[in-house]
Amino acid sequence: MVRRDEIRPGEQAVEFPDATDAALLYIGKIRTPWTTRMECPRQGRWDGPECRIEIFPLWRDALRGVEDYAQFEVLYWLHRSRRDLVLQSPRCDGQTRGTFSLRTPVRPNPIGTSIVKLIGIEQSMLIVRGLDCLDGTPLIDLNRTVARLHRSRLPRPVTWKWMRSAQGRLGMEQPIKTIAVVPSARGSAVQKIFRDLIERWKSTARIAGVVEEGHELADRFCGAGRLRSITDGSCYPIFQDLGPGSKACHLDASGAMAASDAVQRDITAGCDLVLLSKFGRLEAARGGLVPAFIAATETGVPILTSVSAKFEDAWAQFAAPMYVVLPADSATIDEWWRAARSGDKVGCS
């Protein structure tokens, strides 16, 4: 992280032109614990601190009904970001990339976005978790997402056990749900099943997403490896090599964020299925591949993923009641996919 007026080696700025078109109207102000860019997180987390979104009096009536929902997309103006860089060096190593290929607050129109969890409402103020902006950031817009349950539909807290029980009570024959999750006791085994199914399906379907591969490093405690694009084979490392014998978690969120951005572009280009390797530690904190999950849900295409036992309840809180649980069995997953494509009913355990 650099201060506002600093330029790293290799970066390039332009003379910023006067505004000539749209004018934004701020509808509120965001209150967070962070007052400088150096202390502000790169990405919001749902286990992060409570923040407040203050809505200006003119727009208070627009809050009517928000109490029925638990997840919102917040758009805000990064008012303390510079806007004139066209080439940037995020790693301070002299290697540059164009601004439009980066997730960075430094951009011509510095609009930030976060998916937040609604904790409470106090008059015209929303209490949320998941923000990543400075105190006093102007609010542009607030919009509920479609990838979250309506609060009145299910008892809370929703758990994996509750969802599995409900799935059993509904019986074997039920309308197909187009989000399928595979419990993953051994992640590598499920990823192999996914790769085999991709080979089987890719001749007849456009598949977007990523599968996970190992890091192939000896004597490492953490298993986080790489995400491989199904569309073009691009590789996104999600680990930092901490050296032989390291017992620390070497998971690196930046690679997952880059992979998520790529998947979102592939979804926009058009696909029949989105396969996302897993819902794991980053996703449970509403980072990692979560934006890709939401983008896929909003387009309505079927989604296939996996989850380990450790994050099953976090998955249930995120996706219930829109998913079905499938065993780690190629034939059953293939049956679900054929039914999801045709809109038929499917049996599942």
Protein backbone atom coordinates (compact mmCIF):
# COMPACT_ATOMS: atom_id res chain seq x y z
CA MET A 1 0.00 0.00 0.00
CA VAL A 2 1.33 3.46 -0.90
CA ARG A 3 0.19 6.93 0.07
CA ARG A 4 -2.09 8.87 -2.24
CA ASP A 5 0.51 10.92 -4.10
CA GLU A 6 3.23 8.29 -4.38
CA ILE A 7 4.10 6.64 -7.69
CA ARG A 8 5.93 3.32 -7.71
CA PRO A 9 8.76 2.59 -10.16
CA GLY A 10 7.34 1.90 -13.63
CA GLU A 11 3.95 3.46 -12.99
CA GLN A 12 2.50 6.07 -15.35
CA ALA A 13 0.10 8.93 -14.70
CA VAL A 14 -1.82 11.13 -17.13
CA GLU A 15 -3.15 14.68 -16.86
CA PHE A 16 -6.65 14.13 -15.54
CA PRO A 17 -9.35 15.84 -17.67
CA ASP A 18 -12.24 17.92 -16.41
CA ALA A 19 -15.52 16.09 -15.87
CA THR A 20 -17.84 16.29 -18.87
CA ASP A 21 -20.73 13.89 -18.26
CA ALA A 22 -22.52 12.10 -15.41
CA ALA A 23 -22.68 13.64 -11.95
CA LEU A 24 -23.03 11.33 -8.93
CA LEU A 25 -25.38 12.12 -6.07
CA TYR A 26 -24.19 10.85 -2.70
CA ILE A 27 -27.01 9.28 -0.70
CA GLY A 28 -25.18 8.75 2.58
CA LYS A 29 -21.90 8.31 4.38
CA ILE A 30 -20.05 5.22 5.60
CA ARG A 31 -18.52 5.00 9.07
CA THR A 32 -15.66 2.52 9.56
CA PRO A 33 -12.73 2.13 12.00
CA TRP A 34 -10.12 2.98 9.34
CA THR A 35 -8.83 6.49 8.75
CA THR A 36 -5.85 5.82 6.47
CA ARG A 37 -5.28 3.63 3.43
CA MET A 38 -2.35 1.99 5.18
CA GLU A 39 -4.64 0.42 7.79
CA CYS A 40 -7.69 -0.23 5.58
CA PRO A 41 -8.13 -3.92 4.59
CA ARG A 42 -7.82 -4.91 0.94
CA GLN A 43 -11.12 -6.77 1.09
CA GLY A 44 -14.00 -6.77 3.53
CA ARG A 45 -14.74 -9.81 5.69
CA TRP A 46 -17.99 -10.88 7.28
CA ASP A 47 -16.10 -11.60 10.49
CA GLY A 48 -14.63 -8.08 10.41
CA PRO A 49 -15.65 -5.11 12.55
CA GLU A 50 -19.13 -3.63 12.58
CA CYS A 51 -19.48 -0.57 10.34
CA ARG A 52 -22.31 1.89 9.89
CA ILE A 53 -23.98 3.16 6.74
CA GLU A 54 -25.71 6.49 7.34
CA ILE A 55 -28.49 7.33 4.88
CA PHE A 56 -29.18 11.01 4.29
CA PRO A 57 -32.71 12.21 5.32
CA LEU A 58 -33.93 12.64 1.73
CA TRP A 59 -33.50 8.91 1.12
CA ARG A 60 -34.72 7.44 4.42
CA ASP A 61 -37.98 6.14 2.94
CA ALA A 62 -35.94 4.11 0.44
CA LEU A 63 -34.87 1.89 3.36
CA ARG A 64 -38.38 0.48 3.72
CA GLY A 65 -38.18 -3.32 3.43
CA VAL A 66 -34.43 -3.71 3.85
CA GLU A 67 -35.03 -5.47 7.17
CA ASP A 68 -36.33 -8.47 5.23
CA TYR A 69 -32.93 -9.18 3.72
CA ALA A 70 -29.53 -10.05 5.10
CA GLN A 71 -27.04 -9.35 2.31
CA PHE A 72 -26.49 -6.17 0.32
CA GLU A 73 -24.15 -4.78 -2.29
CA VAL A 74 -22.80 -1.39 -1.25
CA LEU A 75 -21.43 1.03 -3.86
CA TYR A 76 -19.28 3.90 -2.66
CA TRP A 77 -16.98 6.62 -3.95
CA LEU A 78 -13.32 6.17 -2.99
CA HIS A 79 -12.90 9.88 -2.43
CA ARG A 80 -9.29 9.73 -1.29
CA SER A 81 -7.96 7.69 -4.20
CA ARG A 82 -5.96 9.24 -7.01
CA ARG A 83 -7.51 8.89 -10.47
CA ASP A 84 -4.75 9.53 -12.99
CA LEU A 85 -2.70 6.29 -13.15
CA VAL A 86 -2.97 4.21 -16.33
CA LEU A 87 -0.08 1.85 -15.48
CA GLN A 88 0.38 0.48 -11.98
CA SER A 89 2.86 -1.75 -10.16
CA PRO A 90 0.87 -3.43 -7.36
CA ARG A 91 3.85 -5.41 -6.04
CA CYS A 92 6.29 -2.46 -6.12
CA ASP A 93 8.67 -4.51 -8.30
CA GLY A 94 8.70 -2.32 -11.39
CA GLN A 95 6.44 -4.72 -13.29
CA THR A 96 3.40 -2.80 -14.47
CA ARG A 97 -0.13 -3.64 -15.61
CA GLY A 98 -2.94 -1.51 -16.95
CA THR A 99 -5.38 -0.13 -14.42
CA PHE A 100 -8.34 -1.90 -16.03
CA SER A 101 -6.69 -5.31 -15.49
CA LEU A 102 -6.31 -4.73 -11.73
CA ARG A 103 -8.47 -4.71 -8.64
CA THR A 104 -7.33 -1.38 -7.24
CA PRO A 105 -8.95 1.73 -5.76
CA VAL A 106 -6.77 3.86 -8.04
CA ARG A 107 -8.85 4.25 -11.22
CA PRO A 108 -10.44 6.98 -13.35
CA ASN A 109 -13.78 6.63 -11.56
CA PRO A 110 -12.91 5.14 -8.16
CA ILE A 111 -16.12 3.29 -7.37
CA GLY A 112 -15.81 0.66 -4.65
CA THR A 113 -18.15 -2.23 -4.02
CA SER A 114 -18.59 -4.69 -1.16
CA ILE A 115 -21.05 -7.44 -0.34
CA VAL A 116 -22.03 -6.83 3.28
CA LYS A 117 -23.98 -8.70 5.93
CA LEU A 118 -26.75 -6.73 7.61
CA ILE A 119 -26.40 -6.88 11.41
CA GLY A 120 -29.04 -4.37 12.46
CA ILE A 121 -30.91 -1.15 11.70
CA GLU A 122 -31.03 1.98 13.84
CA GLN A 123 -33.44 4.51 12.33
CA SER A 124 -31.74 5.58 9.08
CA MET A 125 -28.47 3.77 9.83
CA LEU A 126 -27.54 0.25 8.76
CA ILE A 127 -25.08 -1.74 10.87
CA VAL A 128 -23.11 -4.12 8.64
CA ARG A 129 -19.99 -6.27 8.39
CA GLY A 130 -17.88 -6.73 5.28
CA LEU A 131 -16.77 -3.22 4.31
CA ASP A 132 -13.24 -2.25 3.24
CA CYS A 133 -13.32 1.55 2.93
CA LEU A 134 -12.20 4.56 4.91
CA ASP A 135 -14.26 6.35 7.52
CA GLY A 136 -16.37 9.07 5.90
CA THR A 137 -16.53 7.39 2.47
CA PRO A 138 -19.48 8.77 0.43
CA LEU A 139 -22.25 6.26 -0.31
CA ILE A 140 -23.43 5.96 -3.93
CA ASP A 141 -26.02 3.18 -3.79
CA LEU A 142 -27.32 0.21 -1.84
CA ASN A 143 -28.81 -2.87 -3.45
CA ARG A 144 -29.83 -6.24 -2.07
CA THR A 145 -28.27 -9.21 -3.79
CA VAL A 146 -30.16 -12.19 -5.20
CA ALA A 147 -27.64 -14.67 -3.83
CA ARG A 148 -29.01 -14.51 -0.31
CA LEU A 149 -32.09 -15.93 1.40
CA HIS A 150 -35.04 -13.79 2.35
CA ARG A 151 -34.99 -13.62 6.14
CA SER A 152 -38.58 -14.84 6.49
CA ARG A 153 -38.10 -18.04 4.51
CA LEU A 154 -35.98 -20.10 6.86
CA PRO A 155 -35.37 -20.33 10.59
CA ARG A 156 -32.08 -18.80 11.71
CA PRO A 157 -29.36 -19.70 12.08
CA VAL A 158 -29.45 -21.89 9.00
CA THR A 159 -27.03 -24.80 9.34
CA TRP A 160 -25.73 -27.53 7.07
CA LYS A 161 -27.43 -30.16 9.26
CA TRP A 162 -30.76 -28.35 8.99
CA MET A 163 -30.50 -28.16 5.21
CA ARG A 164 -29.59 -31.84 4.88
CA SER A 165 -32.54 -32.73 7.11
CA ALA A 166 -34.90 -30.53 5.09
CA GLN A 167 -33.64 -32.10 1.87
CA GLY A 168 -34.45 -35.55 3.26
CA ARG A 169 -37.92 -34.53 4.42
CA LEU A 170 -38.78 -33.19 0.95
CA GLY A 171 -38.17 -36.63 -0.51
CA MET A 172 -36.15 -37.92 -3.41
CA GLU A 173 -38.23 -36.39 -6.18
CA GLN A 174 -38.22 -32.60 -6.16
CA PRO A 175 -37.78 -29.74 -8.63
CA ILE A 176 -34.16 -29.41 -9.60
CA LYS A 177 -32.08 -26.83 -7.80
CA THR A 178 -29.48 -25.34 -10.06
CA ILE A 179 -26.84 -24.93 -7.36
CA ALA A 180 -25.20 -28.19 -6.32
CA VAL A 181 -22.58 -28.67 -3.62
CA VAL A 182 -20.48 -31.77 -2.96
CA PRO A 183 -19.21 -32.41 0.60
CA SER A 184 -15.46 -32.74 0.37
CA ALA A 185 -13.66 -34.80 3.01
CA ARG A 186 -10.71 -35.16 0.64
CA GLY A 187 -10.53 -32.09 -1.56
CA SER A 188 -8.16 -33.59 -4.12
CA ALA A 189 -10.56 -36.48 -4.80
CA VAL A 190 -13.47 -34.13 -5.50
CA GLN A 191 -11.32 -31.91 -7.72
CA LYS A 192 -10.37 -35.00 -9.75
CA ILE A 193 -14.07 -35.84 -10.15
CA PHE A 194 -14.67 -32.28 -11.32
CA ARG A 195 -11.83 -32.46 -13.86
CA ASP A 196 -13.13 -35.78 -15.23
CA LEU A 197 -16.64 -34.37 -15.57
CA ILE A 198 -15.34 -31.27 -17.34
CA GLU A 199 -13.67 -33.50 -19.92
CA ARG A 200 -16.96 -35.34 -20.38
CA TRP A 201 -19.14 -32.23 -20.63
CA LYS A 202 -16.99 -29.68 -22.45
CA SER A 203 -17.86 -30.91 -25.95
CA THR A 204 -21.54 -30.11 -25.41
CA ALA A 205 -21.51 -27.27 -22.87
CA ARG A 206 -19.75 -23.98 -22.27
CA ILE A 207 -18.20 -24.29 -18.82
CA ALA A 208 -16.77 -21.35 -16.88
CA GLY A 209 -14.97 -21.52 -13.56
CA VAL A 210 -11.90 -22.96 -11.90
CA VAL A 211 -10.67 -26.24 -10.43
CA GLU A 212 -8.03 -26.46 -7.72
CA GLU A 213 -4.60 -28.05 -8.12
CA GLY A 214 -1.91 -28.75 -5.54
CA HIS A 215 1.21 -26.61 -5.10
CA GLU A 216 3.60 -29.58 -5.58
CA LEU A 217 5.97 -28.27 -2.91
CA ALA A 218 7.57 -30.71 -0.48
CA ASP A 219 7.43 -30.39 3.31
CA ARG A 220 4.63 -27.81 3.48
CA PHE A 221 1.84 -27.90 6.05
CA CYS A 222 -0.75 -25.90 4.11
CA GLY A 223 -2.34 -27.47 1.04
CA ALA A 224 -3.51 -24.30 -0.74
CA GLY A 225 -2.23 -24.52 -4.32
CA ARG A 226 -3.46 -23.11 -7.60
CA LEU A 227 -6.75 -22.39 -9.32
CA ARG A 228 -6.87 -23.41 -12.98
CA SER A 229 -9.26 -21.68 -15.37
CA ILE A 230 -11.59 -24.07 -17.15
CA THR A 231 -12.02 -21.62 -20.00
CA ASP A 232 -8.44 -20.93 -21.06
CA GLY A 233 -6.16 -22.86 -18.67
CA SER A 234 -4.78 -19.77 -16.91
CA CYS A 235 -3.20 -20.52 -13.54
CA TYR A 236 -3.82 -18.47 -10.38
CA PRO A 237 -1.56 -19.33 -7.42
CA ILE A 238 -3.38 -18.96 -4.10
CA PHE A 239 -0.35 -19.54 -1.87
CA GLN A 240 2.81 -17.82 -0.69
CA ASP A 241 5.80 -20.14 -0.40
CA LEU A 242 6.91 -19.79 3.20
CA GLY A 243 9.72 -22.30 2.77
CA PRO A 244 10.29 -25.98 3.66
CA GLY A 245 9.09 -27.01 7.08
CA SER A 246 6.65 -24.13 7.45
CA LYS A 247 3.67 -24.95 9.66
CA ALA A 248 1.79 -21.74 8.90
CA CYS A 249 -1.12 -21.32 6.52
CA HIS A 250 0.26 -19.90 3.28
CA LEU A 251 -3.11 -19.10 1.69
CA ASP A 252 -2.93 -15.92 -0.42
CA ALA A 253 -6.21 -14.15 -1.18
CA SER A 254 -4.91 -12.12 -4.13
CA GLY A 255 -4.74 -15.13 -6.46
CA ALA A 256 -8.31 -16.14 -5.63
CA MET A 257 -9.48 -12.59 -6.27
CA ALA A 258 -7.80 -12.57 -9.68
CA ALA A 259 -9.38 -15.95 -10.49
CA SER A 260 -12.78 -14.64 -9.41
CA ASP A 261 -12.41 -11.63 -11.70
CA ALA A 262 -11.54 -13.91 -14.63
CA VAL A 263 -14.53 -16.18 -13.95
CA GLN A 264 -16.85 -13.19 -13.85
CA ARG A 265 -15.59 -12.14 -17.28
CA ASP A 266 -16.21 -15.65 -18.58
CA ILE A 267 -19.73 -15.63 -17.14
CA THR A 268 -20.43 -12.32 -18.85
CA ALA A 269 -19.17 -13.78 -22.15
CA GLY A 270 -21.73 -16.58 -21.82
CA CYS A 271 -21.72 -20.09 -20.36
CA ASP A 272 -24.00 -23.03 -19.59
CA LEU A 273 -22.43 -24.07 -16.27
CA VAL A 274 -20.21 -22.44 -13.67
CA LEU A 275 -17.94 -24.83 -11.76
CA LEU A 276 -16.18 -23.26 -8.80
CA SER A 277 -13.62 -25.47 -7.09
CA LYS A 278 -14.84 -24.99 -3.55
CA PHE A 279 -16.37 -22.76 -0.92
CA GLY A 280 -13.53 -22.52 1.58
CA ARG A 281 -11.86 -20.28 4.14
CA LEU A 282 -11.76 -17.17 1.93
CA GLU A 283 -15.35 -17.61 0.77
CA ALA A 284 -16.61 -18.16 4.33
CA ALA A 285 -15.24 -14.69 5.09
CA ARG A 286 -17.02 -13.42 1.93
CA GLY A 287 -13.83 -13.11 -0.08
CA GLY A 288 -12.13 -15.36 -2.62
CA LEU A 289 -14.57 -16.65 -5.23
CA VAL A 290 -17.70 -15.14 -3.65
CA PRO A 291 -18.09 -12.44 -6.36
CA ALA A 292 -18.03 -15.21 -8.97
CA PHE A 293 -20.66 -17.18 -7.02
CA ILE A 294 -22.88 -14.10 -6.92
CA ALA A 295 -22.34 -13.30 -10.61
CA ALA A 296 -23.28 -16.86 -11.57
CA THR A 297 -26.40 -16.76 -9.38
CA GLU A 298 -27.53 -13.49 -10.90
CA THR A 299 -27.29 -14.93 -14.43
CA GLY A 300 -29.26 -18.02 -13.45
CA VAL A 301 -26.80 -20.59 -14.82
CA PRO A 302 -26.27 -23.84 -12.87
CA ILE A 303 -23.44 -23.80 -10.33
CA LEU A 304 -21.41 -26.79 -9.13
CA THR A 305 -19.01 -26.53 -6.19
CA SER A 306 -17.71 -28.35 -3.11
CA VAL A 307 -17.33 -27.59 0.59
CA SER A 308 -15.39 -29.18 3.44
CA ALA A 309 -17.03 -30.05 6.76
CA LYS A 310 -15.34 -27.07 8.43
CA PHE A 311 -17.22 -24.57 6.27
CA GLU A 312 -20.54 -26.35 5.78
CA ASP A 313 -22.51 -24.03 8.05
CA ALA A 314 -20.94 -20.96 6.46
CA TRP A 315 -22.02 -22.32 3.06
CA ALA A 316 -25.55 -22.93 4.34
CA GLN A 317 -25.75 -19.36 5.64
CA PHE A 318 -24.54 -18.08 2.28
CA ALA A 319 -26.59 -20.16 -0.18
CA ALA A 320 -29.62 -21.67 1.59
CA PRO A 321 -32.20 -22.56 0.47
CA MET A 322 -31.12 -22.52 -3.16
CA TYR A 323 -28.82 -25.55 -3.27
CA VAL A 324 -28.90 -29.32 -3.27
CA VAL A 325 -26.28 -31.59 -1.66
CA LEU A 326 -24.79 -34.28 -3.91
CA PRO A 327 -22.44 -37.15 -2.99
CA ALA A 328 -18.91 -37.27 -4.40
CA ASP A 329 -20.06 -39.59 -7.16
CA SER A 330 -19.62 -38.86 -10.86
CA ALA A 331 -22.83 -40.59 -11.92
CA THR A 332 -25.00 -38.67 -9.44
CA ILE A 333 -23.40 -35.34 -10.32
CA ASP A 334 -23.84 -36.11 -14.01
CA GLU A 335 -27.53 -36.89 -13.38
CA TRP A 336 -27.93 -33.54 -11.63
CA TRP A 337 -26.26 -31.72 -14.53
CA ARG A 338 -28.48 -33.34 -17.15
CA ALA A 339 -31.57 -32.49 -15.10
CA ALA A 340 -30.37 -28.94 -14.45
CA ARG A 341 -29.91 -28.38 -18.18
CA SER A 342 -33.35 -29.72 -19.03
CA GLY A 343 -35.25 -28.36 -16.02
CA ASP A 344 -36.43 -31.85 -14.96
CA LYS A 345 -36.69 -33.27 -11.45
CA VAL A 346 -33.83 -35.11 -9.84
CA GLY A 347 -33.41 -37.43 -6.89
CA CYS A 348 -30.66 -36.76 -4.37
CA SER A 349 -29.64 -38.05 -1.00
